[in-house]
Amino acid sequence: MKRVFFIIVMLVVILGCARVRVEAPQQPIKVDITMRLDIYQHVQKDIDSIEDIIKGKGTNSEDNQSFIWEFITNVYAQESFLMSKEVEGAVLRRKERLKELMSLQSKGIIGENSLGLVELRLPQTPHPSLKELVKSENDDRMIIYNYIAKKDNVPLIEVQRMYALRHQQDAPQGTPIEVLVEPPSVYEWRVK
């Protein structure tokens, strides 16, 4: 009995000291990023839909939008996004100040930064009403960005960067925009 016990213990000790070989696989390792792309496609769809509401895309006349069109866009926004009153208000306020903002952008007074916010680009001290316009626009943008980040479960910074690209694309000629310069991977202001 002692011999059997001794043999079992010796086998366990010998097998316990076995070596494990780690080798690189013959084929490259594949990573499936489909899920991440799908999430960011949802974010981009949300951005496009909200900006289309703000810019009044799909209407015959951007100046004289009908009551029916306003109703349809608001219903669409509520059904597809389930927007809260706060988000809906931010979208509508942004829509109201769009022309003034674009006018100031084309003159180089206001620029689009790399985080999707507007910045004053004046060398002199700006008028308080201009500061208030920038603050109001940025506050409303952050309401929308936070909403999309929460809705699509993505980091806020990612939503801001994606939105920044959209704002910079939509900005009129003459708008200062903050772009990434490679190398040395720094942000720099340029005029569109």
Protein backbone atom coordinates (compact mmCIF):
# COMPACT_ATOMS: atom_id res chain seq x y z
CA MET A 1 0.00 0.00 0.00
CA LYS A 2 2.84 2.35 0.80
CA ARG A 3 4.44 1.56 -2.55
CA VAL A 4 1.28 2.37 -4.49
CA PHE A 5 0.91 5.62 -2.57
CA PHE A 6 4.60 6.44 -3.22
CA ILE A 7 4.24 5.71 -6.96
CA ILE A 8 1.13 7.94 -7.23
CA VAL A 9 2.90 10.77 -5.39
CA MET A 10 5.94 10.42 -7.68
CA LEU A 11 3.74 10.49 -10.80
CA VAL A 12 1.99 13.63 -9.57
CA VAL A 13 5.34 15.31 -8.84
CA ILE A 14 6.81 14.32 -12.20
CA LEU A 15 3.72 15.35 -14.16
CA GLY A 16 3.47 18.54 -12.14
CA CYS A 17 6.90 19.58 -13.41
CA ALA A 18 5.94 19.29 -17.04
CA ARG A 19 7.03 22.12 -19.29
CA VAL A 20 4.66 24.23 -21.31
CA ARG A 21 5.84 25.45 -24.68
CA VAL A 22 4.56 28.78 -25.97
CA GLU A 23 4.86 29.27 -29.69
CA ALA A 24 3.66 31.95 -32.04
CA PRO A 25 0.72 30.84 -34.17
CA GLN A 26 1.32 30.04 -37.83
CA GLN A 27 -1.54 32.33 -38.95
CA PRO A 28 -1.87 35.97 -37.87
CA ILE A 29 -4.29 36.68 -35.06
CA LYS A 30 -7.56 38.15 -36.32
CA VAL A 31 -9.60 40.63 -34.29
CA ASP A 32 -13.26 41.24 -35.08
CA ILE A 33 -14.02 44.98 -34.83
CA THR A 34 -17.49 44.77 -36.33
CA MET A 35 -19.17 45.71 -33.06
CA ARG A 36 -17.14 48.90 -32.63
CA LEU A 37 -17.83 50.01 -36.19
CA ASP A 38 -21.53 49.34 -35.75
CA ILE A 39 -21.64 51.50 -32.60
CA TYR A 40 -19.87 54.38 -34.33
CA GLN A 41 -22.20 54.06 -37.32
CA HIS A 42 -25.10 54.62 -34.91
CA VAL A 43 -23.36 57.69 -33.50
CA GLN A 44 -22.77 59.05 -37.01
CA LYS A 45 -26.41 58.40 -37.94
CA ASP A 46 -27.56 60.30 -34.83
CA ILE A 47 -25.22 63.19 -35.64
CA ASP A 48 -26.44 63.36 -39.23
CA SER A 49 -30.09 63.22 -38.21
CA ILE A 50 -29.77 65.97 -35.60
CA GLU A 51 -27.76 68.21 -37.92
CA ASP A 52 -30.31 67.67 -40.70
CA ILE A 53 -33.02 68.90 -38.32
CA ILE A 54 -30.92 71.93 -37.35
CA LYS A 55 -30.04 72.80 -40.93
CA GLY A 56 -33.56 72.06 -42.23
CA LYS A 57 -32.45 69.51 -44.83
CA GLY A 58 -35.18 68.17 -47.05
CA THR A 59 -37.17 71.40 -47.33
CA ASN A 60 -37.74 73.41 -50.47
CA SER A 61 -37.06 76.71 -48.75
CA GLU A 62 -34.87 77.01 -45.70
CA ASP A 63 -36.23 80.49 -44.97
CA ASN A 64 -39.96 79.70 -45.12
CA GLN A 65 -40.45 76.29 -43.56
CA SER A 66 -44.04 75.21 -43.24
CA PHE A 67 -45.74 74.31 -40.01
CA ILE A 68 -46.22 70.77 -41.35
CA TRP A 69 -42.48 70.35 -41.93
CA GLU A 70 -41.72 71.59 -38.42
CA PHE A 71 -44.24 69.13 -37.02
CA ILE A 72 -42.83 66.22 -39.06
CA THR A 73 -39.22 66.94 -38.09
CA ASN A 74 -40.13 67.24 -34.41
CA VAL A 75 -42.15 64.01 -34.49
CA TYR A 76 -39.35 62.25 -36.36
CA ALA A 77 -36.81 63.48 -33.84
CA GLN A 78 -38.91 62.29 -30.93
CA GLU A 79 -39.61 58.87 -32.43
CA SER A 80 -36.13 58.06 -33.68
CA PHE A 81 -34.18 59.54 -30.80
CA LEU A 82 -36.72 59.70 -28.01
CA MET A 83 -35.30 63.12 -27.21
CA SER A 84 -35.96 64.68 -23.88
CA LYS A 85 -37.41 68.19 -23.79
CA GLU A 86 -33.94 69.45 -22.85
CA VAL A 87 -32.32 67.91 -25.95
CA GLU A 88 -35.16 68.99 -28.22
CA GLY A 89 -34.84 72.53 -26.86
CA ALA A 90 -31.08 72.50 -27.50
CA VAL A 91 -31.66 71.38 -31.10
CA LEU A 92 -34.27 74.08 -31.72
CA ARG A 93 -32.12 76.82 -30.13
CA ARG A 94 -29.17 75.79 -32.29
CA LYS A 95 -31.43 75.96 -35.33
CA GLU A 96 -32.51 79.51 -34.42
CA ARG A 97 -28.94 80.83 -34.08
CA LEU A 98 -27.50 78.95 -37.09
CA LYS A 99 -27.51 81.85 -39.59
CA GLU A 100 -25.87 84.26 -37.16
CA LEU A 101 -23.26 81.68 -36.21
CA MET A 102 -22.42 80.84 -39.84
CA SER A 103 -22.10 84.54 -40.67
CA LEU A 104 -19.61 85.01 -37.85
CA GLN A 105 -17.74 81.86 -38.88
CA SER A 106 -17.36 82.97 -42.50
CA LYS A 107 -15.87 86.25 -41.25
CA GLY A 108 -13.33 84.34 -39.12
CA ILE A 109 -14.71 85.69 -35.84
CA ILE A 110 -15.81 82.28 -34.55
CA GLY A 111 -14.03 78.99 -35.22
CA GLU A 112 -14.73 75.26 -34.81
CA ASN A 113 -12.34 73.50 -32.44
CA SER A 114 -11.31 69.83 -32.35
CA LEU A 115 -13.87 68.98 -29.65
CA GLY A 116 -16.93 70.14 -31.56
CA LEU A 117 -17.25 73.47 -29.77
CA VAL A 118 -17.10 77.02 -31.10
CA GLU A 119 -14.40 79.45 -30.02
CA LEU A 120 -13.94 83.17 -30.44
CA ARG A 121 -10.94 83.85 -32.67
CA LEU A 122 -10.72 87.61 -32.14
CA PRO A 123 -7.42 89.14 -31.04
CA GLN A 124 -9.27 91.95 -29.23
CA THR A 125 -11.77 91.68 -26.39
CA PRO A 126 -15.11 90.54 -27.84
CA HIS A 127 -18.46 92.14 -27.18
CA PRO A 128 -20.39 90.48 -24.28
CA SER A 129 -23.21 89.47 -26.66
CA LEU A 130 -20.66 87.53 -28.72
CA LYS A 131 -19.40 85.75 -25.61
CA GLU A 132 -23.00 84.89 -24.69
CA LEU A 133 -23.65 83.52 -28.20
CA VAL A 134 -20.61 81.23 -27.99
CA LYS A 135 -21.51 80.09 -24.47
CA SER A 136 -25.13 79.36 -25.44
CA GLU A 137 -24.09 77.43 -28.55
CA ASN A 138 -21.52 75.37 -26.63
CA ASP A 139 -23.97 74.65 -23.80
CA ASP A 140 -26.56 73.38 -26.29
CA ARG A 141 -23.95 71.34 -28.16
CA MET A 142 -22.86 69.69 -24.91
CA ILE A 143 -26.47 68.78 -24.09
CA ILE A 144 -26.69 67.04 -27.47
CA TYR A 145 -23.25 65.40 -27.16
CA ASN A 146 -24.02 64.03 -23.70
CA TYR A 147 -27.33 62.71 -24.95
CA ILE A 148 -25.74 60.85 -27.90
CA ALA A 149 -22.91 59.49 -25.72
CA LYS A 150 -25.39 58.12 -23.20
CA LYS A 151 -27.82 56.83 -25.84
CA ASP A 152 -25.15 54.99 -27.84
CA ASN A 153 -23.00 54.07 -24.83
CA VAL A 154 -19.79 55.62 -26.16
CA PRO A 155 -17.29 57.95 -24.48
CA LEU A 156 -18.26 61.62 -24.66
CA ILE A 157 -14.89 62.54 -26.16
CA GLU A 158 -15.55 60.24 -29.13
CA VAL A 159 -18.91 61.90 -29.79
CA GLN A 160 -17.25 65.32 -29.59
CA ARG A 161 -14.51 64.35 -32.05
CA MET A 162 -17.00 62.87 -34.51
CA TYR A 163 -19.23 65.93 -34.21
CA ALA A 164 -16.21 68.23 -34.63
CA LEU A 165 -15.52 66.70 -38.03
CA ARG A 166 -19.14 67.24 -39.07
CA HIS A 167 -19.13 70.87 -37.89
CA GLN A 168 -15.84 71.54 -39.66
CA GLN A 169 -17.14 70.01 -42.90
CA ASP A 170 -20.35 72.07 -42.72
CA ALA A 171 -18.61 75.33 -41.78
CA PRO A 172 -18.55 78.03 -44.47
CA GLN A 173 -15.35 79.12 -46.22
CA GLY A 174 -13.30 81.46 -44.07
CA THR A 175 -14.06 79.61 -40.83
CA PRO A 176 -11.09 78.97 -38.54
CA ILE A 177 -10.94 75.24 -37.77
CA GLU A 178 -8.68 73.33 -35.39
CA VAL A 179 -7.11 70.37 -37.21
CA LEU A 180 -4.67 67.63 -36.26
CA VAL A 181 -1.28 68.06 -37.92
CA GLU A 182 0.75 64.87 -38.47
CA PRO A 183 3.61 64.78 -37.47
CA PRO A 184 4.09 65.96 -34.67
CA SER A 185 0.46 65.12 -33.70
CA VAL A 186 -0.54 68.56 -32.53
CA TYR A 187 -3.67 70.61 -33.15
CA GLU A 188 -3.34 73.78 -35.16
CA TRP A 189 -5.80 76.46 -36.25
CA ARG A 190 -6.26 76.91 -39.99
CA VAL A 191 -8.73 78.81 -42.12
CA LYS A 192 -11.06 76.66 -44.18
